[in-house]
Amino acid sequence: MTNIVLNVLVLVALTVVSWPVLRRMRGWPLLWATVHLCVLTAVFDTIMIDVGLYVFDPAKILGVHVWGAPLEDFAYAIAAAVFVPVLWRVLGRSPRTASRPDGTHDTESAHG
């Protein structure tokens, strides 16, 4: 199985499982985070590949590169940008970061 097939399968499965939460979230922040993480992926993957930190098996990738990063590597950035906020929503905020019903933060319990 090639990396692109595995990446697409994982992204589709994550989307299906997360769809009830995703459809209630605002799209622009997710898109903005995805764009930024993809730019960072292009920059840092290119550097890491150029200095020899890792090598991709040519038989497992499409051979399409964005700058120096294989196309398949962007699936991880997309997954992180979209599905970490979904997990945040599903798991809820910790008591330390939760607001009171009146909109103020509970600083005594966080420090005491």
PDB file of N, CA and C in Angstrom:
ATOM      1  N   MET A   1       0.853  -1.170   0.000  1.00  0.00           N
ATOM      2  CA  MET A   1       0.000   0.000   0.000  1.00  0.00           C
ATOM      3  C   MET A   1       0.903   1.238   0.000  1.00  0.00           C
ATOM      4  N   THR A   2       0.571   2.189  -0.843  1.00  0.00           N
ATOM      5  CA  THR A   2       1.352   3.420  -0.901  1.00  0.00           C
ATOM      6  C   THR A   2       0.919   4.373   0.207  1.00  0.00           C
ATOM      7  N   ASN A   3       1.782   5.330   0.498  1.00  0.00           N
ATOM      8  CA  ASN A   3       1.488   6.286   1.568  1.00  0.00           C
ATOM      9  C   ASN A   3       0.241   7.106   1.276  1.00  0.00           C
ATOM     10  N   ILE A   4       0.026   7.493   0.031  1.00  0.00           N
ATOM     11  CA  ILE A   4      -1.134   8.330  -0.297  1.00  0.00           C
ATOM     12  C   ILE A   4      -2.441   7.578  -0.052  1.00  0.00           C
ATOM     13  N   VAL A   5      -2.465   6.290  -0.363  1.00  0.00           N
ATOM     14  CA  VAL A   5      -3.678   5.492  -0.121  1.00  0.00           C
ATOM     15  C   VAL A   5      -3.941   5.404   1.369  1.00  0.00           C
ATOM     16  N   LEU A   6      -2.910   5.119   2.142  1.00  0.00           N
ATOM     17  CA  LEU A   6      -3.068   5.047   3.590  1.00  0.00           C
ATOM     18  C   LEU A   6      -3.522   6.389   4.160  1.00  0.00           C
ATOM     19  N   ASN A   7      -2.923   7.480   3.705  1.00  0.00           N
ATOM     20  CA  ASN A   7      -3.302   8.812   4.191  1.00  0.00           C
ATOM     21  C   ASN A   7      -4.746   9.147   3.871  1.00  0.00           C
ATOM     22  N   VAL A   8      -5.172   8.856   2.658  1.00  0.00           N
ATOM     23  CA  VAL A   8      -6.557   9.140   2.273  1.00  0.00           C
ATOM     24  C   VAL A   8      -7.520   8.307   3.107  1.00  0.00           C
ATOM     25  N   LEU A   9      -7.208   7.043   3.307  1.00  0.00           N
ATOM     26  CA  LEU A   9      -8.082   6.189   4.125  1.00  0.00           C
ATOM     27  C   LEU A   9      -8.201   6.716   5.555  1.00  0.00           C
ATOM     28  N   VAL A  10      -7.085   7.120   6.129  1.00  0.00           N
ATOM     29  CA  VAL A  10      -7.109   7.647   7.503  1.00  0.00           C
ATOM     30  C   VAL A  10      -7.885   8.961   7.573  1.00  0.00           C
ATOM     31  N   LEU A  11      -7.641   9.863   6.617  1.00  0.00           N
ATOM     32  CA  LEU A  11      -8.362  11.148   6.629  1.00  0.00           C
ATOM     33  C   LEU A  11      -9.863  10.959   6.427  1.00  0.00           C
ATOM     34  N   VAL A  12     -10.246  10.036   5.555  1.00  0.00           N
ATOM     35  CA  VAL A  12     -11.674   9.757   5.342  1.00  0.00           C
ATOM     36  C   VAL A  12     -12.291   9.163   6.610  1.00  0.00           C
ATOM     37  N   ALA A  13     -11.602   8.209   7.225  1.00  0.00           N
ATOM     38  CA  ALA A  13     -12.126   7.606   8.456  1.00  0.00           C
ATOM     39  C   ALA A  13     -12.265   8.644   9.568  1.00  0.00           C
ATOM     40  N   LEU A  14     -11.259   9.499   9.730  1.00  0.00           N
ATOM     41  CA  LEU A  14     -11.337  10.552  10.739  1.00  0.00           C
ATOM     42  C   LEU A  14     -12.477  11.521  10.456  1.00  0.00           C
ATOM     43  N   THR A  15     -12.675  11.853   9.195  1.00  0.00           N
ATOM     44  CA  THR A  15     -13.756  12.771   8.825  1.00  0.00           C
ATOM     45  C   THR A  15     -15.117  12.152   9.123  1.00  0.00           C
ATOM     46  N   VAL A  16     -15.297  10.889   8.790  1.00  0.00           N
ATOM     47  CA  VAL A  16     -16.580  10.215   9.035  1.00  0.00           C
ATOM     48  C   VAL A  16     -16.872  10.166  10.534  1.00  0.00           C
ATOM     49  N   VAL A  17     -15.880   9.778  11.313  1.00  0.00           N
ATOM     50  CA  VAL A  17     -16.066   9.672  12.761  1.00  0.00           C
ATOM     51  C   VAL A  17     -16.296  11.048  13.386  1.00  0.00           C
ATOM     52  N   SER A  18     -15.634  12.059  12.866  1.00  0.00           N
ATOM     53  CA  SER A  18     -15.696  13.402  13.450  1.00  0.00           C
ATOM     54  C   SER A  18     -16.792  14.284  12.871  1.00  0.00           C
ATOM     55  N   TRP A  19     -17.486  13.819  11.866  1.00  0.00           N
ATOM     56  CA  TRP A  19     -18.428  14.677  11.150  1.00  0.00           C
ATOM     57  C   TRP A  19     -19.459  15.363  12.048  1.00  0.00           C
ATOM     58  N   PRO A  20     -20.065  14.668  13.020  1.00  0.00           N
ATOM     59  CA  PRO A  20     -21.052  15.370  13.858  1.00  0.00           C
ATOM     60  C   PRO A  20     -20.466  16.591  14.579  1.00  0.00           C
ATOM     61  N   VAL A  21     -19.206  16.529  14.981  1.00  0.00           N
ATOM     62  CA  VAL A  21     -18.569  17.661  15.651  1.00  0.00           C
ATOM     63  C   VAL A  21     -18.093  18.673  14.614  1.00  0.00           C
ATOM     64  N   LEU A  22     -17.484  18.194  13.537  1.00  0.00           N
ATOM     65  CA  LEU A  22     -16.945  19.081  12.500  1.00  0.00           C
ATOM     66  C   LEU A  22     -18.006  19.999  11.911  1.00  0.00           C
ATOM     67  N   ARG A  23     -19.184  19.481  11.676  1.00  0.00           N
ATOM     68  CA  ARG A  23     -20.207  20.304  11.015  1.00  0.00           C
ATOM     69  C   ARG A  23     -20.728  21.432  11.895  1.00  0.00           C
ATOM     70  N   ARG A  24     -20.463  21.349  13.207  1.00  0.00           N
ATOM     71  CA  ARG A  24     -20.873  22.430  14.121  1.00  0.00           C
ATOM     72  C   ARG A  24     -19.753  23.439  14.359  1.00  0.00           C
ATOM     73  N   MET A  25     -18.572  23.183  13.805  1.00  0.00           N
ATOM     74  CA  MET A  25     -17.431  24.083  14.017  1.00  0.00           C
ATOM     75  C   MET A  25     -17.339  25.094  12.886  1.00  0.00           C
ATOM     76  N   ARG A  26     -16.734  26.241  13.181  1.00  0.00           N
ATOM     77  CA  ARG A  26     -16.519  27.269  12.156  1.00  0.00           C
ATOM     78  C   ARG A  26     -15.399  26.813  11.237  1.00  0.00           C
ATOM     79  N   GLY A  27     -15.583  26.991   9.942  1.00  0.00           N
ATOM     80  CA  GLY A  27     -14.635  26.501   8.955  1.00  0.00           C
ATOM     81  C   GLY A  27     -13.381  27.328   8.788  1.00  0.00           C
ATOM     82  N   TRP A  28     -13.514  28.670   8.889  1.00  0.00           N
ATOM     83  CA  TRP A  28     -12.348  29.528   8.639  1.00  0.00           C
ATOM     84  C   TRP A  28     -11.189  29.278   9.583  1.00  0.00           C
ATOM     85  N   PRO A  29     -11.414  29.150  10.894  1.00  0.00           N
ATOM     86  CA  PRO A  29     -10.277  28.864  11.773  1.00  0.00           C
ATOM     87  C   PRO A  29      -9.588  27.535  11.442  1.00  0.00           C
ATOM     88  N   LEU A  30     -10.380  26.533  11.081  1.00  0.00           N
ATOM     89  CA  LEU A  30      -9.788  25.247  10.706  1.00  0.00           C
ATOM     90  C   LEU A  30      -8.978  25.376   9.416  1.00  0.00           C
ATOM     91  N   LEU A  31      -9.512  26.102   8.458  1.00  0.00           N
ATOM     92  CA  LEU A  31      -8.793  26.307   7.197  1.00  0.00           C
ATOM     93  C   LEU A  31      -7.515  27.101   7.435  1.00  0.00           C
ATOM     94  N   TRP A  32      -7.594  28.140   8.252  1.00  0.00           N
ATOM     95  CA  TRP A  32      -6.436  28.989   8.552  1.00  0.00           C
ATOM     96  C   TRP A  32      -5.327  28.165   9.222  1.00  0.00           C
ATOM     97  N   ALA A  33      -5.711  27.342  10.189  1.00  0.00           N
ATOM     98  CA  ALA A  33      -4.735  26.487  10.870  1.00  0.00           C
ATOM     99  C   ALA A  33      -4.135  25.473   9.900  1.00  0.00           C
ATOM    100  N   THR A  34      -4.955  24.928   9.019  1.00  0.00           N
ATOM    101  CA  THR A  34      -4.479  23.947   8.043  1.00  0.00           C
ATOM    102  C   THR A  34      -3.466  24.570   7.094  1.00  0.00           C
ATOM    103  N   VAL A  35      -3.755  25.762   6.612  1.00  0.00           N
ATOM    104  CA  VAL A  35      -2.830  26.450   5.704  1.00  0.00           C
ATOM    105  C   VAL A  35      -1.489  26.695   6.403  1.00  0.00           C
ATOM    106  N   HIS A  36      -1.532  27.183   7.635  1.00  0.00           N
ATOM    107  CA  HIS A  36      -0.295  27.459   8.364  1.00  0.00           C
ATOM    108  C   HIS A  36       0.510  26.185   8.616  1.00  0.00           C
ATOM    109  N   LEU A  37      -0.154  25.126   9.016  1.00  0.00           N
ATOM    110  CA  LEU A  37       0.570  23.882   9.265  1.00  0.00           C
ATOM    111  C   LEU A  37       1.131  23.282   7.979  1.00  0.00           C
ATOM    112  N   CYS A  38       0.437  23.461   6.874  1.00  0.00           N
ATOM    113  CA  CYS A  38       0.961  22.969   5.591  1.00  0.00           C
ATOM    114  C   CYS A  38       2.188  23.776   5.156  1.00  0.00           C
ATOM    115  N   VAL A  39       2.171  25.074   5.380  1.00  0.00           N
ATOM    116  CA  VAL A  39       3.350  25.897   5.059  1.00  0.00           C
ATOM    117  C   VAL A  39       4.529  25.462   5.924  1.00  0.00           C
ATOM    118  N   LEU A  40       4.296  25.277   7.213  1.00  0.00           N
ATOM    119  CA  LEU A  40       5.358  24.817   8.106  1.00  0.00           C
ATOM    120  C   LEU A  40       5.870  23.435   7.692  1.00  0.00           C
ATOM    121  N   THR A  41       4.965  22.572   7.279  1.00  0.00           N
ATOM    122  CA  THR A  41       5.359  21.240   6.806  1.00  0.00           C
ATOM    123  C   THR A  41       6.245  21.352   5.580  1.00  0.00           C
ATOM    124  N   ALA A  42       5.867  22.193   4.634  1.00  0.00           N
ATOM    125  CA  ALA A  42       6.675  22.362   3.423  1.00  0.00           C
ATOM    126  C   ALA A  42       8.074  22.854   3.768  1.00  0.00           C
ATOM    127  N   VAL A  43       8.161  23.819   4.657  1.00  0.00           N
ATOM    128  CA  VAL A  43       9.464  24.385   5.012  1.00  0.00           C
ATOM    129  C   VAL A  43      10.316  23.370   5.771  1.00  0.00           C
ATOM    130  N   PHE A  44       9.789  22.849   6.863  1.00  0.00           N
ATOM    131  CA  PHE A  44      10.610  22.005   7.729  1.00  0.00           C
ATOM    132  C   PHE A  44      10.843  20.608   7.157  1.00  0.00           C
ATOM    133  N   ASP A  45       9.876  20.044   6.442  1.00  0.00           N
ATOM    134  CA  ASP A  45      10.126  18.751   5.789  1.00  0.00           C
ATOM    135  C   ASP A  45      11.219  18.887   4.742  1.00  0.00           C
ATOM    136  N   THR A  46      11.183  19.976   3.993  1.00  0.00           N
ATOM    137  CA  THR A  46      12.218  20.204   2.981  1.00  0.00           C
ATOM    138  C   THR A  46      13.595  20.271   3.630  1.00  0.00           C
ATOM    139  N   ILE A  47      13.693  20.995   4.733  1.00  0.00           N
ATOM    140  CA  ILE A  47      14.971  21.099   5.435  1.00  0.00           C
ATOM    141  C   ILE A  47      15.413  19.733   5.957  1.00  0.00           C
ATOM    142  N   MET A  48      14.503  19.018   6.596  1.00  0.00           N
ATOM    143  CA  MET A  48      14.871  17.728   7.172  1.00  0.00           C
ATOM    144  C   MET A  48      15.254  16.702   6.108  1.00  0.00           C
ATOM    145  N   ILE A  49      14.593  16.750   4.971  1.00  0.00           N
ATOM    146  CA  ILE A  49      14.947  15.848   3.877  1.00  0.00           C
ATOM    147  C   ILE A  49      16.291  16.248   3.281  1.00  0.00           C
ATOM    148  N   ASP A  50      16.513  17.546   3.108  1.00  0.00           N
ATOM    149  CA  ASP A  50      17.781  18.027   2.541  1.00  0.00           C
ATOM    150  C   ASP A  50      18.992  17.667   3.398  1.00  0.00           C
ATOM    151  N   VAL A  51      18.835  17.700   4.723  1.00  0.00           N
ATOM    152  CA  VAL A  51      19.977  17.371   5.588  1.00  0.00           C
ATOM    153  C   VAL A  51      20.072  15.873   5.870  1.00  0.00           C
ATOM    154  N   GLY A  52      19.142  15.100   5.335  1.00  0.00           N
ATOM    155  CA  GLY A  52      19.221  13.649   5.439  1.00  0.00           C
ATOM    156  C   GLY A  52      18.655  13.031   6.695  1.00  0.00           C
ATOM    157  N   LEU A  53      17.775  13.747   7.393  1.00  0.00           N
ATOM    158  CA  LEU A  53      17.176  13.167   8.594  1.00  0.00           C
ATOM    159  C   LEU A  53      16.257  11.991   8.260  1.00  0.00           C
ATOM    160  N   TYR A  54      15.593  12.062   7.132  1.00  0.00           N
ATOM    161  CA  TYR A  54      14.817  10.911   6.690  1.00  0.00           C
ATOM    162  C   TYR A  54      14.693  10.903   5.180  1.00  0.00           C
ATOM    163  N   VAL A  55      14.394   9.708   4.676  1.00  0.00           N
ATOM    164  CA  VAL A  55      14.303   9.473   3.235  1.00  0.00           C
ATOM    165  C   VAL A  55      13.014   8.712   2.978  1.00  0.00           C
ATOM    166  N   PHE A  56      12.353   9.052   1.892  1.00  0.00           N
ATOM    167  CA  PHE A  56      11.133   8.357   1.520  1.00  0.00           C
ATOM    168  C   PHE A  56      11.438   7.297   0.469  1.00  0.00           C
ATOM    169  N   ASP A  57      10.817   6.140   0.608  1.00  0.00           N
ATOM    170  CA  ASP A  57      10.951   5.082  -0.381  1.00  0.00           C
ATOM    171  C   ASP A  57      10.208   5.528  -1.641  1.00  0.00           C
ATOM    172  N   PRO A  58      10.905   5.687  -2.766  1.00  0.00           N
ATOM    173  CA  PRO A  58      10.255   6.160  -3.987  1.00  0.00           C
ATOM    174  C   PRO A  58       9.096   5.269  -4.451  1.00  0.00           C
ATOM    175  N   ALA A  59       9.125   4.006  -4.075  1.00  0.00           N
ATOM    176  CA  ALA A  59       8.039   3.102  -4.458  1.00  0.00           C
ATOM    177  C   ALA A  59       6.768   3.343  -3.652  1.00  0.00           C
ATOM    178  N   LYS A  60       6.891   4.033  -2.527  1.00  0.00           N
ATOM    179  CA  LYS A  60       5.741   4.258  -1.647  1.00  0.00           C
ATOM    180  C   LYS A  60       5.113   5.639  -1.789  1.00  0.00           C
ATOM    181  N   ILE A  61       5.743   6.543  -2.534  1.00  0.00           N
ATOM    182  CA  ILE A  61       5.195   7.891  -2.684  1.00  0.00           C
ATOM    183  C   ILE A  61       4.871   8.171  -4.148  1.00  0.00           C
ATOM    184  N   LEU A  62       4.042   9.175  -4.368  1.00  0.00           N
ATOM    185  CA  LEU A  62       3.645   9.544  -5.732  1.00  0.00           C
ATOM    186  C   LEU A  62       4.779  10.178  -6.514  1.00  0.00           C
ATOM    187  N   GLY A  63       5.680  10.827  -5.816  1.00  0.00           N
ATOM    188  CA  GLY A  63       6.760  11.555  -6.479  1.00  0.00           C
ATOM    189  C   GLY A  63       6.431  13.018  -6.718  1.00  0.00           C
ATOM    190  N   VAL A  64       5.254  13.437  -6.243  1.00  0.00           N
ATOM    191  CA  VAL A  64       4.851  14.845  -6.343  1.00  0.00           C
ATOM    192  C   VAL A  64       5.345  15.543  -5.078  1.00  0.00           C
ATOM    193  N   HIS A  65       6.072  16.637  -5.266  1.00  0.00           N
ATOM    194  CA  HIS A  65       6.635  17.363  -4.128  1.00  0.00           C
ATOM    195  C   HIS A  65       6.139  18.804  -4.116  1.00  0.00           C
ATOM    196  N   VAL A  66       5.893  19.309  -2.923  1.00  0.00           N
ATOM    197  CA  VAL A  66       5.603  20.720  -2.726  1.00  0.00           C
ATOM    198  C   VAL A  66       6.855  21.288  -2.087  1.00  0.00           C
ATOM    199  N   TRP A  67       7.534  22.101  -2.849  1.00  0.00           N
ATOM    200  CA  TRP A  67       8.877  22.561  -2.534  1.00  0.00           C
ATOM    201  C   TRP A  67       9.727  21.311  -2.472  1.00  0.00           C
ATOM    202  N   GLY A  68      10.142  20.813  -1.318  1.00  0.00           N
ATOM    203  CA  GLY A  68      10.901  19.569  -1.274  1.00  0.00           C
ATOM    204  C   GLY A  68      10.192  18.469  -0.513  1.00  0.00           C
ATOM    205  N   ALA A  69       8.970  18.744  -0.051  1.00  0.00           N
ATOM    206  CA  ALA A  69       8.234  17.784   0.772  1.00  0.00           C
ATOM    207  C   ALA A  69       7.280  16.961  -0.089  1.00  0.00           C
ATOM    208  N   PRO A  70       7.281  15.655   0.098  1.00  0.00           N
ATOM    209  CA  PRO A  70       6.342  14.817  -0.655  1.00  0.00           C
ATOM    210  C   PRO A  70       4.899  15.168  -0.312  1.00  0.00           C
ATOM    211  N   LEU A  71       4.044  15.094  -1.286  1.00  0.00           N
ATOM    212  CA  LEU A  71       2.628  15.425  -1.114  1.00  0.00           C
ATOM    213  C   LEU A  71       2.010  14.654   0.052  1.00  0.00           C
ATOM    214  N   GLU A  72       2.418  13.413   0.217  1.00  0.00           N
ATOM    215  CA  GLU A  72       1.833  12.565   1.255  1.00  0.00           C
ATOM    216  C   GLU A  72       2.069  13.111   2.664  1.00  0.00           C
ATOM    217  N   ASP A  73       3.134  13.841   2.865  1.00  0.00           N
ATOM    218  CA  ASP A  73       3.447  14.344   4.197  1.00  0.00           C
ATOM    219  C   ASP A  73       2.465  15.412   4.680  1.00  0.00           C
ATOM    220  N   PHE A  74       1.717  16.000   3.796  1.00  0.00           N
ATOM    221  CA  PHE A  74       0.775  17.050   4.189  1.00  0.00           C
ATOM    222  C   PHE A  74      -0.477  16.490   4.856  1.00  0.00           C
ATOM    223  N   ALA A  75      -0.705  15.205   4.728  1.00  0.00           N
ATOM    224  CA  ALA A  75      -1.867  14.590   5.385  1.00  0.00           C
ATOM    225  C   ALA A  75      -1.770  14.722   6.902  1.00  0.00           C
ATOM    226  N   TYR A  76      -0.552  14.656   7.427  1.00  0.00           N
ATOM    227  CA  TYR A  76      -0.376  14.768   8.872  1.00  0.00           C
ATOM    228  C   TYR A  76      -0.698  16.179   9.352  1.00  0.00           C
ATOM    229  N   ALA A  77      -0.306  17.168   8.584  1.00  0.00           N
ATOM    230  CA  ALA A  77      -0.618  18.555   8.937  1.00  0.00           C
ATOM    231  C   ALA A  77      -2.123  18.795   8.886  1.00  0.00           C
ATOM    232  N   ILE A  78      -2.766  18.258   7.878  1.00  0.00           N
ATOM    233  CA  ILE A  78      -4.219  18.400   7.741  1.00  0.00           C
ATOM    234  C   ILE A  78      -4.924  17.715   8.901  1.00  0.00           C
ATOM    235  N   ALA A  79      -4.499  16.502   9.204  1.00  0.00           N
ATOM    236  CA  ALA A  79      -5.118  15.760  10.308  1.00  0.00           C
ATOM    237  C   ALA A  79      -4.964  16.511  11.632  1.00  0.00           C
ATOM    238  N   ALA A  80      -3.782  17.036  11.886  1.00  0.00           N
ATOM    239  CA  ALA A  80      -3.559  17.767  13.143  1.00  0.00           C
ATOM    240  C   ALA A  80      -4.400  19.035  13.209  1.00  0.00           C
ATOM    241  N   ALA A  81      -4.433  19.782  12.118  1.00  0.00           N
ATOM    242  CA  ALA A  81      -5.150  21.065  12.115  1.00  0.00           C
ATOM    243  C   ALA A  81      -6.652  20.889  12.264  1.00  0.00           C
ATOM    244  N   VAL A  82      -7.180  19.818  11.742  1.00  0.00           N
ATOM    245  CA  VAL A  82      -8.631  19.623  11.769  1.00  0.00           C
ATOM    246  C   VAL A  82      -9.074  18.795  12.971  1.00  0.00           C
ATOM    247  N   PHE A  83      -8.341  17.753  13.283  1.00  0.00           N
ATOM    248  CA  PHE A  83      -8.862  16.811  14.263  1.00  0.00           C
ATOM    249  C   PHE A  83      -8.410  17.066  15.698  1.00  0.00           C
ATOM    250  N   VAL A  84      -7.387  17.853  15.917  1.00  0.00           N
ATOM    251  CA  VAL A  84      -7.054  18.241  17.296  1.00  0.00           C
ATOM    252  C   VAL A  84      -8.148  19.153  17.855  1.00  0.00           C
ATOM    253  N   PRO A  85      -8.632  20.148  17.102  1.00  0.00           N
ATOM    254  CA  PRO A  85      -9.766  20.930  17.622  1.00  0.00           C
ATOM    255  C   PRO A  85     -11.022  20.086  17.851  1.00  0.00           C
ATOM    256  N   VAL A  86     -11.226  19.074  17.024  1.00  0.00           N
ATOM    257  CA  VAL A  86     -12.372  18.178  17.239  1.00  0.00           C
ATOM    258  C   VAL A  86     -12.204  17.447  18.569  1.00  0.00           C
ATOM    259  N   LEU A  87     -11.018  16.926  18.816  1.00  0.00           N
ATOM    260  CA  LEU A  87     -10.770  16.255  20.098  1.00  0.00           C
ATOM    261  C   LEU A  87     -10.945  17.210  21.273  1.00  0.00           C
ATOM    262  N   TRP A  88     -10.493  18.441  21.110  1.00  0.00           N
ATOM    263  CA  TRP A  88     -10.653  19.455  22.152  1.00  0.00           C
ATOM    264  C   TRP A  88     -12.128  19.637  22.488  1.00  0.00           C
ATOM    265  N   ARG A  89     -12.953  19.694  21.456  1.00  0.00           N
ATOM    266  CA  ARG A  89     -14.405  19.848  21.667  1.00  0.00           C
ATOM    267  C   ARG A  89     -15.002  18.631  22.343  1.00  0.00           C
ATOM    268  N   VAL A  90     -14.620  17.450  21.862  1.00  0.00           N
ATOM    269  CA  VAL A  90     -15.208  16.216  22.381  1.00  0.00           C
ATOM    270  C   VAL A  90     -14.801  15.969  23.827  1.00  0.00           C
ATOM    271  N   LEU A  91     -13.522  16.171  24.118  1.00  0.00           N
ATOM    272  CA  LEU A  91     -13.028  15.893  25.466  1.00  0.00           C
ATOM    273  C   LEU A  91     -13.332  17.010  26.448  1.00  0.00           C
ATOM    274  N   GLY A  92     -13.629  18.189  25.929  1.00  0.00           N
ATOM    275  CA  GLY A  92     -13.967  19.311  26.795  1.00  0.00           C
ATOM    276  C   GLY A  92     -12.744  19.964  27.377  1.00  0.00           C
ATOM    277  N   ARG A  93     -12.935  21.153  27.898  1.00  0.00           N
ATOM    278  CA  ARG A  93     -11.844  21.890  28.512  1.00  0.00           C
ATOM    279  C   ARG A  93     -11.591  21.365  29.913  1.00  0.00           C
ATOM    280  N   SER A  94     -10.376  21.532  30.350  1.00  0.00           N
ATOM    281  CA  SER A  94     -10.031  21.113  31.709  1.00  0.00           C
ATOM    282  C   SER A  94     -10.642  22.106  32.697  1.00  0.00           C
ATOM    283  N   PRO A  95     -10.803  21.703  33.947  1.00  0.00           N
ATOM    284  CA  PRO A  95     -11.352  22.625  34.949  1.00  0.00           C
ATOM    285  C   PRO A  95     -10.499  23.884  35.106  1.00  0.00           C
ATOM    286  N   ARG A  96      -9.204  23.788  34.823  1.00  0.00           N
ATOM    287  CA  ARG A  96      -8.328  24.958  34.962  1.00  0.00           C
ATOM    288  C   ARG A  96      -8.630  26.024  33.925  1.00  0.00           C
ATOM    289  N   THR A  97      -9.104  25.626  32.748  1.00  0.00           N
ATOM    290  CA  THR A  97      -9.339  26.604  31.691  1.00  0.00           C
ATOM    291  C   THR A  97     -10.813  26.914  31.490  1.00  0.00           C
ATOM    292  N   ALA A  98     -11.663  26.235  32.220  1.00  0.00           N
ATOM    293  CA  ALA A  98     -13.098  26.457  32.056  1.00  0.00           C
ATOM    294  C   ALA A  98     -13.512  27.788  32.674  1.00  0.00           C
ATOM    295  N   SER A  99     -14.488  28.427  32.056  1.00  0.00           N
ATOM    296  CA  SER A  99     -15.019  29.682  32.584  1.00  0.00           C
ATOM    297  C   SER A  99     -16.233  29.398  33.442  1.00  0.00           C
ATOM    298  N   ARG A 100     -16.483  30.306  34.355  1.00  0.00           N
ATOM    299  CA  ARG A 100     -17.707  30.232  35.145  1.00  0.00           C
ATOM    300  C   ARG A 100     -18.879  30.636  34.266  1.00  0.00           C
ATOM    301  N   PRO A 101     -20.093  30.310  34.685  1.00  0.00           N
ATOM    302  CA  PRO A 101     -21.267  30.699  33.885  1.00  0.00           C
ATOM    303  C   PRO A 101     -21.372  32.206  33.665  1.00  0.00           C
ATOM    304  N   ASP A 102     -20.833  33.018  34.589  1.00  0.00           N
ATOM    305  CA  ASP A 102     -20.912  34.468  34.422  1.00  0.00           C
ATOM    306  C   ASP A 102     -19.804  35.011  33.518  1.00  0.00           C
ATOM    307  N   GLY A 103     -18.960  34.130  32.967  1.00  0.00           N
ATOM    308  CA  GLY A 103     -17.933  34.549  32.036  1.00  0.00           C
ATOM    309  C   GLY A 103     -16.576  34.817  32.645  1.00  0.00           C
ATOM    310  N   THR A 104     -16.478  34.757  33.991  1.00  0.00           N
ATOM    311  CA  THR A 104     -15.196  35.000  34.634  1.00  0.00           C
ATOM    312  C   THR A 104     -14.457  33.677  34.819  1.00  0.00           C
ATOM    313  N   HIS A 105     -13.163  33.767  34.996  1.00  0.00           N
ATOM    314  CA  HIS A 105     -12.364  32.563  35.200  1.00  0.00           C
ATOM    315  C   HIS A 105     -12.218  32.271  36.678  1.00  0.00           C
ATOM    316  N   ASP A 106     -12.181  31.013  37.018  1.00  0.00           N
ATOM    317  CA  ASP A 106     -12.002  30.579  38.404  1.00  0.00           C
ATOM    318  C   ASP A 106     -10.511  30.491  38.687  1.00  0.00           C
ATOM    319  N   THR A 107      -9.921  31.581  39.162  1.00  0.00           N
ATOM    320  CA  THR A 107      -8.469  31.611  39.384  1.00  0.00           C
ATOM    321  C   THR A 107      -8.076  31.025  40.724  1.00  0.00           C
ATOM    322  N   GLU A 108      -8.970  31.031  41.706  1.00  0.00           N
ATOM    323  CA  GLU A 108      -8.620  30.493  43.033  1.00  0.00           C
ATOM    324  C   GLU A 108      -8.411  29.007  42.966  1.00  0.00           C
ATOM    325  N   SER A 109      -9.275  28.272  42.286  1.00  0.00           N
ATOM    326  CA  SER A 109      -9.110  26.819  42.222  1.00  0.00           C
ATOM    327  C   SER A 109      -7.907  26.441  41.384  1.00  0.00           C
ATOM    328  N   ALA A 110      -7.534  27.286  40.442  1.00  0.00           N
ATOM    329  CA  ALA A 110      -6.371  26.978  39.602  1.00  0.00           C
ATOM    330  C   ALA A 110      -5.064  27.205  40.359  1.00  0.00           C
ATOM    331  N   HIS A 111      -5.066  28.127  41.333  1.00  0.00           N
ATOM    332  CA  HIS A 111      -3.843  28.445  42.044  1.00  0.00           C
ATOM    333  C   HIS A 111      -3.842  27.920  43.466  1.00  0.00           C
ATOM    334  N   GLY A 112      -4.946  27.449  43.943  1.00  0.00           N
ATOM    335  CA  GLY A 112      -5.008  27.111  45.342  1.00  0.00           C
ATOM    336  C   GLY A 112      -5.142  25.694  45.544  1.00  0.00           C
TER     337      GLY A 112
END
